[in-house]
Every structure is written in structure tokens, then in C-alpha cells.
Amino acid sequence: MQGSVCRVRSIRLFIQLSRPIYILSAALLYILGSGIAHYLIGQINWPSFFFGLAWVLLALVGFQFLNEYFYLDIFIDDTSLKHTPFSGGSGALGTGKLPRSVALWAGLTCLTIAASITAVMYRNLGIGLPGGVILGLILFGELLFVIPPVRLVTSGIGEVVMSIIFVGLIPALALVLQGHDLHRLLIMLGFPLTTLYLGMLLALEFPDFAADLKRGKKPIIIRIGWQTGMLVHNILVLGSFVILGIAFVFGLPLRIAWPVIFVLPVGLFQVWMMNRIGEGAKPNWSLLVLVALSSFGLTAYILAFAFWIN
């Protein structure tokens, strides 16, 4: 019985180590890019879809494991400080948890499998130059994000790099793997989704502000400050819906764009919560995190669904 409990706990910690919420968001954005291809072409090359999705997920999970391996605070967590599951370390490594070496070997294994999938895609799926360039940019960006001595994750601009990889490059990869050239729809959706994604990342960093400040860490919220961070957050969230409206004026189809109006109240509620915290109200971090995840996730999901059914 005790052995079964330990195995279940180890599996739970391993899932926690992978940061599944970010992996799910990558899958959603890949499906969005494939939806754009379906909208433009009218069909889907399913082998390319699944090989590309597997590559994206394995590459991102692999680098996430390596990020945990190089995260130096795993053995010195201050239990007096409150944390969320979305910034800093995952909390899955350390004394009484998973050994640090698990993250290293799991990361190398995932990246090795991703490399094998790359060879298969080049040999059997005919990846062109655009696809190869995008694959390289994703790998290069993740390397800079995770691997010392650069480790952009601690630089204050890592959030921008992550947003470009997730919202810009992953949908673009999904589109070109379907044999379509890069399209202006990627730009029309990329800008508002990037600002919304950045707003989400900022919201997820606020609960860890005190912990990051105490440890001398430098995420973007520490670099720009509490008050400025709130202002930037609100501008990013509200601006994303404004940019979507502008994209409609410049040719984004109405049948694709109009359902996003249902997410606007969620975004407004997110901004209202941030304003209340700025006015001195007691923060409800769990609710803020949930709303921030929902505003981005629902927007990306509705857009993806609209492309797939039209």
C-alpha cells in the first residue's frame, strides 16, 4: 500500500514538474494555427498535424524539464512565502520530492524524441524552408530562455520571448506544416493574442511578487514595479480586444471575430480585479489567476473553434 501511494505521489509530482497548463496552451495555439490552415485550404493533412503537434509538445516539455533542472531555488524554498503553480519553480523537486536528476534526464529524453520526429518530418512530410526556419527559431528561443548563462527566464524579457514563441511561432508552424505559406491572418491574430498572453503572464506573477523580491529574482513585474505592472497589465488586456476590433476593420472575417465578444466581460472583470487590488482591496490571487487564464484560453479556443467550423 505504501509503495502504491509513493508511486501515485511520484506521478503527481512528475505531472506538476511539466507545468501542464503551459503545455495545454501550446497545444491550443497549435490547433489554432491548424484551424487557420483548415479555413484557408479546406482540408487537413493529418500526419503533418500530429507529427507537428507531437514535436511542439515534446520540445516544450523537454525545455520545461531543463528549466526546472537549472532552477537554483528548488532546495531553498521559503515556506513562509506564498506561491502559485505558475511562476518560479514547480515545487516538484527537492528533499522528499523528485530528485533533481529526474528533470535533466526527462528533458534530454523528450528533446531526443523531438529530434527523431524532426528527422521523420524532413524525410516523409517534406518540410520546406519556412517550416525549418520556424523549428529553428523555436529551439533557439527556448535555449536562450532556459539554458545558462543566458537564461532569459530570469532576465525580465523572458515573458516577451515566451509570448513570441507560443503565440507567434507555434501557430505559424502549424500553418506551414499544412503546406500553406505564412498568411496575414497570423498577424491579425498574433498581435492581440500576444498582448493578452503577456497580460496573463503579468497577472500570474503578481502573487509571487514578494517572494521574487525577497530572493532577488528579476521577472518583468519586479523590473517595472508593482504600480506600473498594474497599468501595463490593464493596457495589455484591454488593448488586445481593441486590436481584434482593428483587425476586423482590416479584413478579419466577421464570422471568425464576433464570438470573441463573449470573452470581453471576462477581460473587463480581470482589469476590474487588478484595479481593486491597486486601490488596496485584499487580493484574491486564486480568482485573479483563474480569470487571467480564462480570458486568454477562451479567446484562443473561440478563435480556433471558429476557424475549424468555417
C-alpha atoms as a PDB file:
ATOM      1  CA  MET A   1       0.000   0.000   0.000  1.00  0.00           C
ATOM      2  CA  GLN A   2       2.761   2.418   0.921  1.00  0.00           C
ATOM      3  CA  GLY A   3       4.556   1.655  -2.345  1.00  0.00           C
ATOM      4  CA  SER A   4       1.403   2.430  -4.327  1.00  0.00           C
ATOM      5  CA  VAL A   5       0.984   5.735  -2.515  1.00  0.00           C
ATOM      6  CA  CYS A   6       4.606   6.652  -3.280  1.00  0.00           C
ATOM      7  CA  ARG A   7       4.154   5.807  -6.958  1.00  0.00           C
ATOM      8  CA  VAL A   8       0.996   7.890  -7.196  1.00  0.00           C
ATOM      9  CA  ARG A   9       2.743  10.799  -5.481  1.00  0.00           C
ATOM     10  CA  SER A  10       5.723  10.494  -7.832  1.00  0.00           C
ATOM     11  CA  ILE A  11       3.411  10.551 -10.872  1.00  0.00           C
ATOM     12  CA  ARG A  12       1.629  13.604  -9.498  1.00  0.00           C
ATOM     13  CA  LEU A  13       4.939  15.383  -8.904  1.00  0.00           C
ATOM     14  CA  PHE A  14       6.145  14.468 -12.404  1.00  0.00           C
ATOM     15  CA  ILE A  15       2.990  15.957 -13.945  1.00  0.00           C
ATOM     16  CA  GLN A  16       3.469  19.038 -11.759  1.00  0.00           C
ATOM     17  CA  LEU A  17       7.063  19.249 -13.000  1.00  0.00           C
ATOM     18  CA  SER A  18       5.893  19.544 -16.612  1.00  0.00           C
ATOM     19  CA  ARG A  19       3.693  22.620 -15.942  1.00  0.00           C
ATOM     20  CA  PRO A  20       0.716  21.162 -17.874  1.00  0.00           C
ATOM     21  CA  ILE A  21      -1.155  24.486 -18.119  1.00  0.00           C
ATOM     22  CA  TYR A  22       1.544  25.893 -20.397  1.00  0.00           C
ATOM     23  CA  ILE A  23       1.683  22.709 -22.460  1.00  0.00           C
ATOM     24  CA  LEU A  24      -2.087  22.817 -22.911  1.00  0.00           C
ATOM     25  CA  SER A  25      -1.885  26.439 -24.039  1.00  0.00           C
ATOM     26  CA  ALA A  26       0.776  25.461 -26.614  1.00  0.00           C
ATOM     27  CA  ALA A  27      -1.475  22.670 -27.899  1.00  0.00           C
ATOM     28  CA  LEU A  28      -4.399  25.097 -28.151  1.00  0.00           C
ATOM     29  CA  LEU A  29      -2.328  27.604 -30.136  1.00  0.00           C
ATOM     30  CA  TYR A  30      -1.074  24.842 -32.448  1.00  0.00           C
ATOM     31  CA  ILE A  31      -4.684  23.796 -33.053  1.00  0.00           C
ATOM     32  CA  LEU A  32      -5.490  27.456 -33.773  1.00  0.00           C
ATOM     33  CA  GLY A  33      -2.765  27.578 -36.442  1.00  0.00           C
ATOM     34  CA  SER A  34      -4.056  24.336 -37.954  1.00  0.00           C
ATOM     35  CA  GLY A  35      -7.562  25.812 -37.887  1.00  0.00           C
ATOM     36  CA  ILE A  36      -6.333  28.757 -39.966  1.00  0.00           C
ATOM     37  CA  ALA A  37      -4.957  26.236 -42.477  1.00  0.00           C
ATOM     38  CA  HIS A  38      -8.286  24.397 -42.491  1.00  0.00           C
ATOM     39  CA  TYR A  39     -10.088  27.688 -43.095  1.00  0.00           C
ATOM     40  CA  LEU A  40      -7.776  28.646 -45.983  1.00  0.00           C
ATOM     41  CA  ILE A  41      -7.298  25.247 -47.629  1.00  0.00           C
ATOM     42  CA  GLY A  42     -10.457  23.374 -46.683  1.00  0.00           C
ATOM     43  CA  GLN A  43      -8.680  20.225 -45.539  1.00  0.00           C
ATOM     44  CA  ILE A  44      -6.062  18.967 -43.087  1.00  0.00           C
ATOM     45  CA  ASN A  45      -3.018  16.777 -43.656  1.00  0.00           C
ATOM     46  CA  TRP A  46      -3.419  14.691 -40.523  1.00  0.00           C
ATOM     47  CA  PRO A  47       0.059  13.075 -40.458  1.00  0.00           C
ATOM     48  CA  SER A  48       1.623  16.555 -40.603  1.00  0.00           C
ATOM     49  CA  PHE A  49      -0.806  17.768 -37.927  1.00  0.00           C
ATOM     50  CA  PHE A  50       0.001  15.009 -35.444  1.00  0.00           C
ATOM     51  CA  PHE A  51       3.746  14.919 -36.074  1.00  0.00           C
ATOM     52  CA  GLY A  52       3.933  18.686 -35.691  1.00  0.00           C
ATOM     53  CA  LEU A  53       1.846  18.649 -32.521  1.00  0.00           C
ATOM     54  CA  ALA A  54       3.991  15.874 -31.036  1.00  0.00           C
ATOM     55  CA  TRP A  55       7.153  17.841 -31.876  1.00  0.00           C
ATOM     56  CA  VAL A  56       5.844  21.040 -30.268  1.00  0.00           C
ATOM     57  CA  LEU A  57       4.715  19.322 -27.080  1.00  0.00           C
ATOM     58  CA  LEU A  58       7.867  17.221 -26.671  1.00  0.00           C
ATOM     59  CA  ALA A  59      10.177  20.172 -27.353  1.00  0.00           C
ATOM     60  CA  LEU A  60       8.374  22.460 -24.914  1.00  0.00           C
ATOM     61  CA  VAL A  61       8.085  19.783 -22.208  1.00  0.00           C
ATOM     62  CA  GLY A  62      11.749  18.925 -22.683  1.00  0.00           C
ATOM     63  CA  PHE A  63      12.856  22.507 -22.215  1.00  0.00           C
ATOM     64  CA  GLN A  64      10.482  22.886 -19.264  1.00  0.00           C
ATOM     65  CA  PHE A  65      12.175  19.938 -17.564  1.00  0.00           C
ATOM     66  CA  LEU A  66      15.588  21.513 -18.236  1.00  0.00           C
ATOM     67  CA  ASN A  67      14.302  24.819 -16.886  1.00  0.00           C
ATOM     68  CA  GLU A  68      13.425  23.040 -13.655  1.00  0.00           C
ATOM     69  CA  TYR A  69      16.853  21.401 -13.565  1.00  0.00           C
ATOM     70  CA  PHE A  70      18.611  24.766 -13.843  1.00  0.00           C
ATOM     71  CA  TYR A  71      16.223  26.469 -11.414  1.00  0.00           C
ATOM     72  CA  LEU A  72      18.532  27.071  -8.443  1.00  0.00           C
ATOM     73  CA  ASP A  73      15.947  27.769  -5.737  1.00  0.00           C
ATOM     74  CA  ILE A  74      14.432  24.294  -5.587  1.00  0.00           C
ATOM     75  CA  PHE A  75      16.196  23.311  -2.374  1.00  0.00           C
ATOM     76  CA  ILE A  76      15.830  26.640  -0.565  1.00  0.00           C
ATOM     77  CA  ASP A  77      12.099  27.320  -0.823  1.00  0.00           C
ATOM     78  CA  ASP A  78      10.909  29.605   1.947  1.00  0.00           C
ATOM     79  CA  THR A  79       7.717  28.041   3.270  1.00  0.00           C
ATOM     80  CA  SER A  80       6.711  31.363   4.808  1.00  0.00           C
ATOM     81  CA  LEU A  81       6.175  32.801   1.325  1.00  0.00           C
ATOM     82  CA  LYS A  82       3.080  32.022  -0.683  1.00  0.00           C
ATOM     83  CA  HIS A  83       3.494  30.835  -4.253  1.00  0.00           C
ATOM     84  CA  THR A  84       1.339  29.970  -7.238  1.00  0.00           C
ATOM     85  CA  PRO A  85       1.915  26.975  -9.541  1.00  0.00           C
ATOM     86  CA  PHE A  86       2.618  29.300 -12.468  1.00  0.00           C
ATOM     87  CA  SER A  87       5.876  31.139 -11.699  1.00  0.00           C
ATOM     88  CA  GLY A  88       9.244  30.278 -10.228  1.00  0.00           C
ATOM     89  CA  GLY A  89       9.914  26.587  -9.763  1.00  0.00           C
ATOM     90  CA  SER A  90       7.204  23.955  -9.960  1.00  0.00           C
ATOM     91  CA  GLY A  91       7.967  22.758  -6.429  1.00  0.00           C
ATOM     92  CA  ALA A  92       8.199  19.166  -7.667  1.00  0.00           C
ATOM     93  CA  LEU A  93      11.940  18.784  -6.992  1.00  0.00           C
ATOM     94  CA  GLY A  94      13.828  18.726  -3.734  1.00  0.00           C
ATOM     95  CA  THR A  95      14.070  16.883  -0.465  1.00  0.00           C
ATOM     96  CA  GLY A  96      11.222  14.398  -0.091  1.00  0.00           C
ATOM     97  CA  LYS A  97      10.144  15.007  -3.680  1.00  0.00           C
ATOM     98  CA  LEU A  98      11.619  14.080  -7.070  1.00  0.00           C
ATOM     99  CA  PRO A  99      15.431  14.043  -7.428  1.00  0.00           C
ATOM    100  CA  ARG A 100      16.834  16.902  -9.481  1.00  0.00           C
ATOM    101  CA  SER A 101      18.343  14.416 -11.950  1.00  0.00           C
ATOM    102  CA  VAL A 102      14.824  13.367 -12.988  1.00  0.00           C
ATOM    103  CA  ALA A 103      14.308  16.767 -14.609  1.00  0.00           C
ATOM    104  CA  LEU A 104      17.601  16.518 -16.517  1.00  0.00           C
ATOM    105  CA  TRP A 105      17.052  13.031 -17.917  1.00  0.00           C
ATOM    106  CA  ALA A 106      13.377  13.619 -18.668  1.00  0.00           C
ATOM    107  CA  GLY A 107      14.261  16.809 -20.542  1.00  0.00           C
ATOM    108  CA  LEU A 108      17.012  15.143 -22.593  1.00  0.00           C
ATOM    109  CA  THR A 109      14.720  12.219 -23.400  1.00  0.00           C
ATOM    110  CA  CYS A 110      11.930  14.486 -24.658  1.00  0.00           C
ATOM    111  CA  LEU A 111      14.328  16.531 -26.785  1.00  0.00           C
ATOM    112  CA  THR A 112      15.871  13.360 -28.247  1.00  0.00           C
ATOM    113  CA  ILE A 113      12.434  12.107 -29.292  1.00  0.00           C
ATOM    114  CA  ALA A 114      11.631  15.549 -30.715  1.00  0.00           C
ATOM    115  CA  ALA A 115      14.847  15.377 -32.762  1.00  0.00           C
ATOM    116  CA  SER A 116      13.781  11.982 -34.119  1.00  0.00           C
ATOM    117  CA  ILE A 117      10.401  13.416 -35.089  1.00  0.00           C
ATOM    118  CA  THR A 118      12.200  16.267 -36.861  1.00  0.00           C
ATOM    119  CA  ALA A 119      14.087  13.743 -38.997  1.00  0.00           C
ATOM    120  CA  VAL A 120      10.852  11.926 -39.830  1.00  0.00           C
ATOM    121  CA  MET A 121       9.130  15.178 -40.810  1.00  0.00           C
ATOM    122  CA  TYR A 122      12.006  16.226 -43.067  1.00  0.00           C
ATOM    123  CA  ARG A 123      12.174  12.822 -44.749  1.00  0.00           C
ATOM    124  CA  ASN A 124       8.487  11.958 -45.113  1.00  0.00           C
ATOM    125  CA  LEU A 125       6.470  15.173 -44.843  1.00  0.00           C
ATOM    126  CA  GLY A 126       8.558  17.482 -46.981  1.00  0.00           C
ATOM    127  CA  ILE A 127       9.132  20.364 -44.574  1.00  0.00           C
ATOM    128  CA  GLY A 128      10.112  23.410 -46.597  1.00  0.00           C
ATOM    129  CA  LEU A 129      12.415  26.271 -45.725  1.00  0.00           C
ATOM    130  CA  PRO A 130       9.757  28.255 -43.763  1.00  0.00           C
ATOM    131  CA  GLY A 131       8.987  25.233 -41.593  1.00  0.00           C
ATOM    132  CA  GLY A 132      12.661  24.587 -40.928  1.00  0.00           C
ATOM    133  CA  VAL A 133      13.278  28.221 -40.019  1.00  0.00           C
ATOM    134  CA  ILE A 134      10.350  28.238 -37.577  1.00  0.00           C
ATOM    135  CA  LEU A 135      11.515  24.987 -35.970  1.00  0.00           C
ATOM    136  CA  GLY A 136      14.965  26.510 -35.551  1.00  0.00           C
ATOM    137  CA  LEU A 137      13.612  29.742 -34.077  1.00  0.00           C
ATOM    138  CA  ILE A 138      11.528  27.833 -31.516  1.00  0.00           C
ATOM    139  CA  LEU A 139      14.546  25.757 -30.465  1.00  0.00           C
ATOM    140  CA  PHE A 140      16.864  28.771 -30.355  1.00  0.00           C
ATOM    141  CA  GLY A 141      14.369  30.822 -28.342  1.00  0.00           C
ATOM    142  CA  GLU A 142      13.846  28.007 -25.853  1.00  0.00           C
ATOM    143  CA  LEU A 143      17.592  27.503 -25.492  1.00  0.00           C
ATOM    144  CA  LEU A 144      18.081  31.178 -24.670  1.00  0.00           C
ATOM    145  CA  PHE A 145      15.089  31.047 -22.342  1.00  0.00           C
ATOM    146  CA  VAL A 146      16.274  28.063 -20.299  1.00  0.00           C
ATOM    147  CA  ILE A 147      19.993  27.303 -20.568  1.00  0.00           C
ATOM    148  CA  PRO A 148      22.653  29.176 -18.543  1.00  0.00           C
ATOM    149  CA  PRO A 149      24.355  31.568 -18.726  1.00  0.00           C
ATOM    150  CA  VAL A 150      21.703  33.473 -20.705  1.00  0.00           C
ATOM    151  CA  ARG A 151      18.503  32.091 -19.102  1.00  0.00           C
ATOM    152  CA  LEU A 152      16.088  34.743 -20.332  1.00  0.00           C
ATOM    153  CA  VAL A 153      13.555  33.307 -17.891  1.00  0.00           C
ATOM    154  CA  THR A 154      15.307  35.345 -15.196  1.00  0.00           C
ATOM    155  CA  SER A 155      16.110  38.391 -17.319  1.00  0.00           C
ATOM    156  CA  GLY A 156      12.837  40.320 -17.308  1.00  0.00           C
ATOM    157  CA  ILE A 157      12.339  39.853 -21.052  1.00  0.00           C
ATOM    158  CA  GLY A 158      11.718  36.126 -20.890  1.00  0.00           C
ATOM    159  CA  GLU A 159       7.970  36.739 -20.842  1.00  0.00           C
ATOM    160  CA  VAL A 160       8.208  38.527 -24.191  1.00  0.00           C
ATOM    161  CA  VAL A 161      10.261  35.685 -25.689  1.00  0.00           C
ATOM    162  CA  MET A 162       7.781  33.125 -24.371  1.00  0.00           C
ATOM    163  CA  SER A 163       4.863  35.077 -25.839  1.00  0.00           C
ATOM    164  CA  ILE A 164       6.532  35.244 -29.261  1.00  0.00           C
ATOM    165  CA  ILE A 165       7.267  31.509 -29.235  1.00  0.00           C
ATOM    166  CA  PHE A 166       3.821  30.465 -28.074  1.00  0.00           C
ATOM    167  CA  VAL A 167       1.564  32.955 -29.849  1.00  0.00           C
ATOM    168  CA  GLY A 168       3.679  33.779 -32.895  1.00  0.00           C
ATOM    169  CA  LEU A 169       5.785  30.774 -33.867  1.00  0.00           C
ATOM    170  CA  ILE A 170       3.659  27.793 -32.836  1.00  0.00           C
ATOM    171  CA  PRO A 171       0.553  28.768 -34.880  1.00  0.00           C
ATOM    172  CA  ALA A 172       2.841  29.708 -37.784  1.00  0.00           C
ATOM    173  CA  LEU A 173       4.482  26.274 -37.629  1.00  0.00           C
ATOM    174  CA  ALA A 174       1.082  24.564 -37.665  1.00  0.00           C
ATOM    175  CA  LEU A 175       0.083  26.568 -40.741  1.00  0.00           C
ATOM    176  CA  VAL A 176       3.219  25.931 -42.813  1.00  0.00           C
ATOM    177  CA  LEU A 177       3.223  22.217 -41.927  1.00  0.00           C
ATOM    178  CA  GLN A 178      -0.094  22.071 -43.771  1.00  0.00           C
ATOM    179  CA  GLY A 179       1.682  23.283 -46.908  1.00  0.00           C
ATOM    180  CA  HIS A 180       0.372  26.857 -46.767  1.00  0.00           C
ATOM    181  CA  ASP A 181       2.506  29.984 -46.888  1.00  0.00           C
ATOM    182  CA  LEU A 182       2.511  32.404 -43.973  1.00  0.00           C
ATOM    183  CA  HIS A 183      -0.704  34.419 -44.069  1.00  0.00           C
ATOM    184  CA  ARG A 184      -1.809  37.834 -42.846  1.00  0.00           C
ATOM    185  CA  LEU A 185      -4.336  36.137 -40.533  1.00  0.00           C
ATOM    186  CA  LEU A 186      -1.373  35.121 -38.376  1.00  0.00           C
ATOM    187  CA  ILE A 187      -0.504  38.791 -37.892  1.00  0.00           C
ATOM    188  CA  MET A 188      -4.125  39.851 -37.349  1.00  0.00           C
ATOM    189  CA  LEU A 189      -4.486  37.316 -34.547  1.00  0.00           C
ATOM    190  CA  GLY A 190      -0.882  37.280 -33.363  1.00  0.00           C
ATOM    191  CA  PHE A 191      -0.804  40.848 -32.078  1.00  0.00           C
ATOM    192  CA  PRO A 192      -3.962  40.739 -29.919  1.00  0.00           C
ATOM    193  CA  LEU A 193      -3.239  37.245 -28.614  1.00  0.00           C
ATOM    194  CA  THR A 194       0.351  38.218 -27.766  1.00  0.00           C
ATOM    195  CA  THR A 195      -0.777  41.233 -25.740  1.00  0.00           C
ATOM    196  CA  LEU A 196      -3.411  39.121 -23.998  1.00  0.00           C
ATOM    197  CA  TYR A 197      -0.838  36.402 -23.285  1.00  0.00           C
ATOM    198  CA  LEU A 198       1.580  38.958 -21.843  1.00  0.00           C
ATOM    199  CA  GLY A 199      -1.219  40.344 -19.698  1.00  0.00           C
ATOM    200  CA  MET A 200      -1.914  36.842 -18.450  1.00  0.00           C
ATOM    201  CA  LEU A 201       1.757  36.267 -17.582  1.00  0.00           C
ATOM    202  CA  LEU A 202       1.852  39.546 -15.667  1.00  0.00           C
ATOM    203  CA  ALA A 203      -1.261  38.582 -13.715  1.00  0.00           C
ATOM    204  CA  LEU A 204       0.331  35.232 -12.835  1.00  0.00           C
ATOM    205  CA  GLU A 205       3.444  36.982 -11.497  1.00  0.00           C
ATOM    206  CA  PHE A 206       1.686  39.337  -9.064  1.00  0.00           C
ATOM    207  CA  PRO A 207       1.039  36.687  -6.368  1.00  0.00           C
ATOM    208  CA  ASP A 208       4.776  35.848  -6.263  1.00  0.00           C
ATOM    209  CA  PHE A 209       5.905  39.484  -6.142  1.00  0.00           C
ATOM    210  CA  ALA A 210       7.041  39.361  -2.509  1.00  0.00           C
ATOM    211  CA  ALA A 211       8.794  36.007  -2.904  1.00  0.00           C
ATOM    212  CA  ASP A 212      10.621  37.082  -6.058  1.00  0.00           C
ATOM    213  CA  LEU A 213      11.616  40.411  -4.498  1.00  0.00           C
ATOM    214  CA  LYS A 214      12.987  38.687  -1.395  1.00  0.00           C
ATOM    215  CA  ARG A 215      15.060  36.261  -3.451  1.00  0.00           C
ATOM    216  CA  GLY A 216      16.400  38.936  -5.795  1.00  0.00           C
ATOM    217  CA  LYS A 217      14.754  37.408  -8.856  1.00  0.00           C
ATOM    218  CA  LYS A 218      14.063  39.648 -11.848  1.00  0.00           C
ATOM    219  CA  PRO A 219      10.838  38.736 -13.650  1.00  0.00           C
ATOM    220  CA  ILE A 220       9.275  41.554 -15.605  1.00  0.00           C
ATOM    221  CA  ILE A 221       6.927  42.543 -12.763  1.00  0.00           C
ATOM    222  CA  ILE A 222       9.909  43.193 -10.460  1.00  0.00           C
ATOM    223  CA  ARG A 223      11.723  45.223 -13.109  1.00  0.00           C
ATOM    224  CA  ILE A 224       8.817  47.525 -13.953  1.00  0.00           C
ATOM    225  CA  GLY A 225       7.364  47.716 -10.436  1.00  0.00           C
ATOM    226  CA  TRP A 226       4.020  46.953  -8.791  1.00  0.00           C
ATOM    227  CA  GLN A 227       2.063  50.061  -9.842  1.00  0.00           C
ATOM    228  CA  THR A 228       3.498  50.206 -13.367  1.00  0.00           C
ATOM    229  CA  GLY A 229       2.845  46.491 -13.715  1.00  0.00           C
ATOM    230  CA  MET A 230      -0.835  47.007 -12.926  1.00  0.00           C
ATOM    231  CA  LEU A 231      -1.105  49.766 -15.518  1.00  0.00           C
ATOM    232  CA  VAL A 232       0.703  47.719 -18.164  1.00  0.00           C
ATOM    233  CA  HIS A 233      -1.465  44.694 -17.361  1.00  0.00           C
ATOM    234  CA  ASN A 234      -4.663  46.682 -17.886  1.00  0.00           C
ATOM    235  CA  ILE A 235      -3.403  48.217 -21.130  1.00  0.00           C
ATOM    236  CA  LEU A 236      -2.385  44.806 -22.482  1.00  0.00           C
ATOM    237  CA  VAL A 237      -5.694  43.139 -21.650  1.00  0.00           C
ATOM    238  CA  LEU A 238      -7.937  45.943 -22.910  1.00  0.00           C
ATOM    239  CA  GLY A 239      -5.658  46.620 -25.858  1.00  0.00           C
ATOM    240  CA  SER A 240      -5.943  43.030 -27.072  1.00  0.00           C
ATOM    241  CA  PHE A 241      -9.691  43.432 -27.639  1.00  0.00           C
ATOM    242  CA  VAL A 242      -9.162  46.824 -29.297  1.00  0.00           C
ATOM    243  CA  ILE A 243      -6.583  45.301 -31.663  1.00  0.00           C
ATOM    244  CA  LEU A 244      -9.002  42.494 -32.514  1.00  0.00           C
ATOM    245  CA  GLY A 245     -11.559  45.136 -33.444  1.00  0.00           C
ATOM    246  CA  ILE A 246      -8.982  46.895 -35.637  1.00  0.00           C
ATOM    247  CA  ALA A 247      -8.127  43.545 -37.267  1.00  0.00           C
ATOM    248  CA  PHE A 248     -11.800  43.171 -38.189  1.00  0.00           C
ATOM    249  CA  VAL A 249     -11.660  46.559 -39.928  1.00  0.00           C
ATOM    250  CA  PHE A 250      -8.618  45.382 -41.919  1.00  0.00           C
ATOM    251  CA  GLY A 251     -10.145  42.132 -43.094  1.00  0.00           C
ATOM    252  CA  LEU A 252     -10.501  39.637 -40.253  1.00  0.00           C
ATOM    253  CA  PRO A 253     -13.731  37.810 -41.171  1.00  0.00           C
ATOM    254  CA  LEU A 254     -16.725  38.740 -39.015  1.00  0.00           C
ATOM    255  CA  ARG A 255     -17.791  35.109 -38.569  1.00  0.00           C
ATOM    256  CA  ILE A 256     -14.362  34.451 -37.020  1.00  0.00           C
ATOM    257  CA  ALA A 257     -14.055  37.561 -34.867  1.00  0.00           C
ATOM    258  CA  TRP A 258     -17.518  38.228 -33.466  1.00  0.00           C
ATOM    259  CA  PRO A 259     -17.707  35.307 -30.938  1.00  0.00           C
ATOM    260  CA  VAL A 260     -14.761  36.834 -29.042  1.00  0.00           C
ATOM    261  CA  ILE A 261     -17.209  39.469 -27.764  1.00  0.00           C
ATOM    262  CA  PHE A 262     -18.339  36.864 -25.231  1.00  0.00           C
ATOM    263  CA  VAL A 263     -14.869  36.900 -23.646  1.00  0.00           C
ATOM    264  CA  LEU A 264     -14.814  40.692 -23.263  1.00  0.00           C
ATOM    265  CA  PRO A 265     -16.681  40.606 -19.899  1.00  0.00           C
ATOM    266  CA  VAL A 266     -14.037  38.198 -18.581  1.00  0.00           C
ATOM    267  CA  GLY A 267     -11.273  40.586 -19.647  1.00  0.00           C
ATOM    268  CA  LEU A 268     -13.093  43.542 -18.114  1.00  0.00           C
ATOM    269  CA  PHE A 269     -13.510  41.602 -14.876  1.00  0.00           C
ATOM    270  CA  GLN A 270      -9.774  40.835 -14.909  1.00  0.00           C
ATOM    271  CA  VAL A 271      -8.979  44.554 -15.241  1.00  0.00           C
ATOM    272  CA  TRP A 272     -11.525  45.430 -12.538  1.00  0.00           C
ATOM    273  CA  MET A 273      -9.914  42.945 -10.144  1.00  0.00           C
ATOM    274  CA  MET A 274      -6.489  44.437 -10.796  1.00  0.00           C
ATOM    275  CA  ASN A 275      -7.815  47.953 -10.196  1.00  0.00           C
ATOM    276  CA  ARG A 276      -9.390  46.838  -6.904  1.00  0.00           C
ATOM    277  CA  ILE A 277      -6.049  45.430  -5.757  1.00  0.00           C
ATOM    278  CA  GLY A 278      -4.394  48.703  -6.729  1.00  0.00           C
ATOM    279  CA  GLU A 279      -6.936  50.560  -4.584  1.00  0.00           C
ATOM    280  CA  GLY A 280      -5.975  48.496  -1.552  1.00  0.00           C
ATOM    281  CA  ALA A 281      -8.568  45.707  -1.599  1.00  0.00           C
ATOM    282  CA  LYS A 282      -7.498  42.326  -0.259  1.00  0.00           C
ATOM    283  CA  PRO A 283      -6.186  40.328  -3.239  1.00  0.00           C
ATOM    284  CA  ASN A 284      -7.947  37.139  -4.266  1.00  0.00           C
ATOM    285  CA  TRP A 285      -4.980  35.721  -6.118  1.00  0.00           C
ATOM    286  CA  SER A 286      -6.591  32.384  -6.925  1.00  0.00           C
ATOM    287  CA  LEU A 287      -9.525  34.072  -8.621  1.00  0.00           C
ATOM    288  CA  LEU A 288      -7.278  36.532 -10.466  1.00  0.00           C
ATOM    289  CA  VAL A 289      -5.142  33.680 -11.786  1.00  0.00           C
ATOM    290  CA  LEU A 290      -8.251  31.755 -12.868  1.00  0.00           C
ATOM    291  CA  VAL A 291      -9.718  34.790 -14.643  1.00  0.00           C
ATOM    292  CA  ALA A 292      -6.406  35.607 -16.388  1.00  0.00           C
ATOM    293  CA  LEU A 293      -6.077  32.030 -17.632  1.00  0.00           C
ATOM    294  CA  SER A 294      -9.701  32.047 -18.733  1.00  0.00           C
ATOM    295  CA  SER A 295      -9.522  35.314 -20.673  1.00  0.00           C
ATOM    296  CA  PHE A 296      -6.634  34.065 -22.790  1.00  0.00           C
ATOM    297  CA  GLY A 297      -7.718  30.440 -23.012  1.00  0.00           C
ATOM    298  CA  LEU A 298     -11.302  31.244 -24.005  1.00  0.00           C
ATOM    299  CA  THR A 299     -10.193  33.767 -26.620  1.00  0.00           C
ATOM    300  CA  ALA A 300      -7.764  31.322 -28.238  1.00  0.00           C
ATOM    301  CA  TYR A 301     -10.301  28.489 -28.030  1.00  0.00           C
ATOM    302  CA  ILE A 302     -13.137  30.513 -29.585  1.00  0.00           C
ATOM    303  CA  LEU A 303     -10.912  31.670 -32.443  1.00  0.00           C
ATOM    304  CA  ALA A 304      -9.645  28.145 -33.060  1.00  0.00           C
ATOM    305  CA  PHE A 305     -13.178  26.732 -32.986  1.00  0.00           C
ATOM    306  CA  ALA A 306     -14.395  29.417 -35.406  1.00  0.00           C
ATOM    307  CA  PHE A 307     -11.657  28.602 -37.917  1.00  0.00           C
ATOM    308  CA  TRP A 308     -12.301  24.862 -37.712  1.00  0.00           C
ATOM    309  CA  ILE A 309     -16.052  25.092 -38.302  1.00  0.00           C
ATOM    310  CA  ASN A 310     -15.920  27.702 -41.097  1.00  0.00           C
END
